[in-house]
Amino acid sequence: MALEILYFAWVRERIGLPKERLETNAKTVAELVEELKAREERYAVAFADISALRVALDQDLSDFSASLEGVREVAFFPPMTGG
């Protein structure tokens, strides 16, 4: 399946891309993260501590155990703070 992957804030800085489109066989967000970490060191660094990250699937907040079935866009970002 093809997914649009978006990276925000320090995740984008560590990976060096704001977004990318990729083909994956991952069934869950956690499996996608493992695929990304195996690609290159910069991904491994960005996803070293997923407890410091949030994920949205098609612009809805989700969690790392969520299924990717029917998903077109995955966004990774640090927790949001208010002010």
N, C-alpha and C. Protein backbone atom coordinates (compact mmCIF):
# COMPACT_ATOMS: atom_id res chain seq x y z
N MET A 1 0.84 -1.17 0.00
CA MET A 1 0.00 0.00 0.00
C MET A 1 0.89 1.24 0.00
N ALA A 2 0.42 2.28 -0.65
CA ALA A 2 1.15 3.55 -0.70
C ALA A 2 0.62 4.48 0.38
N LEU A 3 1.53 5.09 1.11
CA LEU A 3 1.16 6.04 2.17
C LEU A 3 1.91 7.35 2.00
N GLU A 4 1.26 8.43 2.33
CA GLU A 4 1.90 9.74 2.43
C GLU A 4 2.31 9.87 3.90
N ILE A 5 3.60 10.05 4.16
CA ILE A 5 4.11 10.16 5.52
C ILE A 5 4.55 11.61 5.73
N LEU A 6 4.01 12.23 6.78
CA LEU A 6 4.34 13.62 7.12
C LEU A 6 5.13 13.65 8.41
N TYR A 7 6.15 14.51 8.46
CA TYR A 7 6.99 14.66 9.64
C TYR A 7 6.95 16.12 10.09
N PHE A 8 6.78 16.35 11.38
CA PHE A 8 6.68 17.71 11.90
C PHE A 8 7.70 17.95 13.01
N ALA A 9 8.07 19.23 13.18
CA ALA A 9 8.94 19.71 14.26
C ALA A 9 10.27 18.95 14.24
N TRP A 10 10.74 18.49 15.41
CA TRP A 10 12.06 17.86 15.46
C TRP A 10 12.11 16.53 14.72
N VAL A 11 10.99 15.89 14.49
CA VAL A 11 10.98 14.66 13.70
C VAL A 11 11.44 14.99 12.28
N ARG A 12 10.88 16.06 11.72
CA ARG A 12 11.27 16.52 10.39
C ARG A 12 12.75 16.90 10.36
N GLU A 13 13.21 17.58 11.39
CA GLU A 13 14.62 17.99 11.44
C GLU A 13 15.56 16.80 11.45
N ARG A 14 15.22 15.77 12.21
CA ARG A 14 16.10 14.59 12.30
C ARG A 14 16.09 13.77 11.02
N ILE A 15 14.93 13.67 10.37
CA ILE A 15 14.83 12.89 9.15
C ILE A 15 15.29 13.69 7.94
N GLY A 16 15.08 15.00 7.99
CA GLY A 16 15.52 15.85 6.89
C GLY A 16 14.51 16.00 5.77
N LEU A 17 13.27 15.56 6.02
CA LEU A 17 12.20 15.67 5.02
C LEU A 17 10.91 16.10 5.69
N PRO A 18 10.11 16.94 5.02
CA PRO A 18 8.80 17.28 5.59
C PRO A 18 7.77 16.19 5.31
N LYS A 19 7.96 15.45 4.20
CA LYS A 19 7.03 14.38 3.86
C LYS A 19 7.66 13.49 2.80
N GLU A 20 7.07 12.32 2.66
CA GLU A 20 7.48 11.40 1.61
C GLU A 20 6.35 10.42 1.33
N ARG A 21 6.38 9.85 0.17
CA ARG A 21 5.40 8.84 -0.20
C ARG A 21 6.15 7.52 -0.27
N LEU A 22 5.61 6.48 0.35
CA LEU A 22 6.30 5.21 0.30
C LEU A 22 5.34 4.04 0.24
N GLU A 23 5.86 2.96 -0.30
CA GLU A 23 5.13 1.69 -0.36
C GLU A 23 5.51 0.90 0.89
N THR A 24 4.50 0.32 1.54
CA THR A 24 4.76 -0.45 2.75
C THR A 24 3.86 -1.67 2.81
N ASN A 25 4.31 -2.67 3.52
CA ASN A 25 3.51 -3.85 3.82
C ASN A 25 3.07 -3.84 5.27
N ALA A 26 3.39 -2.77 5.99
CA ALA A 26 3.05 -2.67 7.42
C ALA A 26 1.54 -2.73 7.61
N LYS A 27 1.13 -3.42 8.64
CA LYS A 27 -0.30 -3.53 8.98
C LYS A 27 -0.70 -2.55 10.07
N THR A 28 0.27 -2.11 10.88
CA THR A 28 0.01 -1.17 11.98
C THR A 28 1.02 -0.04 11.93
N VAL A 29 0.74 1.01 12.69
CA VAL A 29 1.68 2.13 12.79
C VAL A 29 3.01 1.63 13.36
N ALA A 30 2.96 0.77 14.37
CA ALA A 30 4.19 0.25 14.98
C ALA A 30 5.04 -0.49 13.95
N GLU A 31 4.42 -1.28 13.09
CA GLU A 31 5.16 -1.98 12.03
C GLU A 31 5.76 -0.98 11.04
N LEU A 32 5.03 0.07 10.74
CA LEU A 32 5.55 1.11 9.84
C LEU A 32 6.79 1.76 10.46
N VAL A 33 6.71 2.06 11.74
CA VAL A 33 7.85 2.67 12.43
C VAL A 33 9.07 1.74 12.35
N GLU A 34 8.87 0.45 12.55
CA GLU A 34 9.99 -0.49 12.47
C GLU A 34 10.58 -0.51 11.06
N GLU A 35 9.73 -0.46 10.04
CA GLU A 35 10.23 -0.39 8.66
C GLU A 35 11.05 0.88 8.44
N LEU A 36 10.55 1.99 8.94
CA LEU A 36 11.26 3.27 8.78
C LEU A 36 12.60 3.22 9.50
N LYS A 37 12.62 2.72 10.73
CA LYS A 37 13.86 2.66 11.51
C LYS A 37 14.92 1.81 10.82
N ALA A 38 14.49 0.80 10.08
CA ALA A 38 15.43 -0.09 9.40
C ALA A 38 15.99 0.53 8.11
N ARG A 39 15.37 1.61 7.63
CA ARG A 39 15.79 2.22 6.36
C ARG A 39 17.16 2.86 6.46
N GLU A 40 17.30 3.77 7.43
CA GLU A 40 18.54 4.55 7.58
C GLU A 40 18.68 4.99 9.02
N GLU A 41 19.88 5.36 9.38
CA GLU A 41 20.18 5.80 10.75
C GLU A 41 19.34 7.01 11.16
N ARG A 42 19.11 7.94 10.24
CA ARG A 42 18.34 9.14 10.59
C ARG A 42 16.93 8.79 11.04
N TYR A 43 16.32 7.77 10.46
CA TYR A 43 14.99 7.32 10.88
C TYR A 43 15.08 6.64 12.24
N ALA A 44 16.13 5.83 12.43
CA ALA A 44 16.31 5.16 13.72
C ALA A 44 16.45 6.18 14.84
N VAL A 45 17.16 7.26 14.58
CA VAL A 45 17.32 8.32 15.59
C VAL A 45 15.98 9.01 15.85
N ALA A 46 15.27 9.34 14.81
CA ALA A 46 13.99 10.06 14.95
C ALA A 46 12.95 9.23 15.71
N PHE A 47 12.97 7.91 15.51
CA PHE A 47 11.97 7.04 16.12
C PHE A 47 12.52 6.20 17.27
N ALA A 48 13.65 6.63 17.84
CA ALA A 48 14.27 5.87 18.92
C ALA A 48 13.36 5.76 20.15
N ASP A 49 12.60 6.80 20.43
CA ASP A 49 11.73 6.81 21.61
C ASP A 49 10.33 7.21 21.17
N ILE A 50 9.50 6.25 20.80
CA ILE A 50 8.17 6.59 20.29
C ILE A 50 7.25 7.12 21.38
N SER A 51 7.65 6.96 22.66
CA SER A 51 6.82 7.55 23.72
C SER A 51 6.88 9.08 23.66
N ALA A 52 7.86 9.62 22.93
CA ALA A 52 7.99 11.07 22.77
C ALA A 52 7.30 11.56 21.50
N LEU A 53 6.52 10.68 20.87
CA LEU A 53 5.86 11.03 19.61
C LEU A 53 4.36 10.81 19.68
N ARG A 54 3.67 11.50 18.80
CA ARG A 54 2.24 11.28 18.58
C ARG A 54 2.07 10.96 17.10
N VAL A 55 0.95 10.34 16.79
CA VAL A 55 0.68 9.96 15.40
C VAL A 55 -0.77 10.29 15.06
N ALA A 56 -0.97 10.73 13.83
CA ALA A 56 -2.32 10.97 13.32
C ALA A 56 -2.47 10.18 12.02
N LEU A 57 -3.62 9.54 11.89
CA LEU A 57 -3.95 8.79 10.68
C LEU A 57 -5.07 9.52 9.97
N ASP A 58 -4.81 9.95 8.76
CA ASP A 58 -5.77 10.76 8.00
C ASP A 58 -6.31 11.91 8.85
N GLN A 59 -5.40 12.57 9.56
CA GLN A 59 -5.64 13.77 10.36
C GLN A 59 -6.45 13.53 11.63
N ASP A 60 -6.55 12.28 12.07
CA ASP A 60 -7.19 11.96 13.35
C ASP A 60 -6.14 11.36 14.28
N LEU A 61 -6.02 11.90 15.50
CA LEU A 61 -5.07 11.36 16.46
C LEU A 61 -5.33 9.87 16.67
N SER A 62 -4.25 9.12 16.77
CA SER A 62 -4.36 7.68 16.91
C SER A 62 -3.24 7.18 17.81
N ASP A 63 -3.02 5.87 17.80
CA ASP A 63 -1.90 5.34 18.58
C ASP A 63 -1.10 4.37 17.71
N PHE A 64 0.03 3.94 18.24
CA PHE A 64 0.96 3.15 17.45
C PHE A 64 0.49 1.72 17.19
N SER A 65 -0.53 1.27 17.90
CA SER A 65 -1.06 -0.08 17.65
C SER A 65 -2.17 -0.06 16.59
N ALA A 66 -2.53 1.12 16.11
CA ALA A 66 -3.64 1.27 15.16
C ALA A 66 -3.34 0.63 13.81
N SER A 67 -4.37 0.10 13.20
CA SER A 67 -4.28 -0.50 11.87
C SER A 67 -4.11 0.59 10.81
N LEU A 68 -3.37 0.24 9.78
CA LEU A 68 -3.19 1.14 8.64
C LEU A 68 -4.17 0.84 7.51
N GLU A 69 -5.05 -0.09 7.71
CA GLU A 69 -6.00 -0.47 6.67
C GLU A 69 -6.86 0.74 6.27
N GLY A 70 -6.85 1.06 4.99
CA GLY A 70 -7.63 2.17 4.46
C GLY A 70 -7.04 3.54 4.70
N VAL A 71 -5.89 3.62 5.37
CA VAL A 71 -5.25 4.90 5.69
C VAL A 71 -4.47 5.39 4.48
N ARG A 72 -4.53 6.70 4.24
CA ARG A 72 -3.76 7.30 3.14
C ARG A 72 -2.63 8.19 3.64
N GLU A 73 -2.79 8.75 4.86
CA GLU A 73 -1.79 9.70 5.37
C GLU A 73 -1.47 9.39 6.83
N VAL A 74 -0.17 9.36 7.13
CA VAL A 74 0.31 9.16 8.49
C VAL A 74 1.20 10.35 8.84
N ALA A 75 0.92 10.98 9.97
CA ALA A 75 1.71 12.14 10.40
C ALA A 75 2.34 11.85 11.76
N PHE A 76 3.63 12.15 11.89
CA PHE A 76 4.35 11.97 13.15
C PHE A 76 4.77 13.34 13.67
N PHE A 77 4.58 13.56 14.97
CA PHE A 77 4.90 14.86 15.56
C PHE A 77 5.07 14.70 17.07
N PRO A 78 5.79 15.65 17.71
CA PRO A 78 5.91 15.62 19.16
C PRO A 78 4.58 16.02 19.81
N PRO A 79 4.42 15.72 21.09
CA PRO A 79 3.17 16.12 21.77
C PRO A 79 2.94 17.62 21.64
N MET A 80 1.69 17.97 21.53
CA MET A 80 1.31 19.38 21.41
C MET A 80 1.22 20.01 22.80
N THR A 81 1.58 21.26 22.86
CA THR A 81 1.43 21.99 24.12
C THR A 81 0.54 23.19 23.88
N GLY A 82 -0.14 23.58 24.89
CA GLY A 82 -1.03 24.75 24.76
C GLY A 82 -0.43 25.97 25.40
N GLY A 83 -1.07 27.07 25.17
CA GLY A 83 -0.52 28.29 25.76
C GLY A 83 -1.54 29.38 25.77
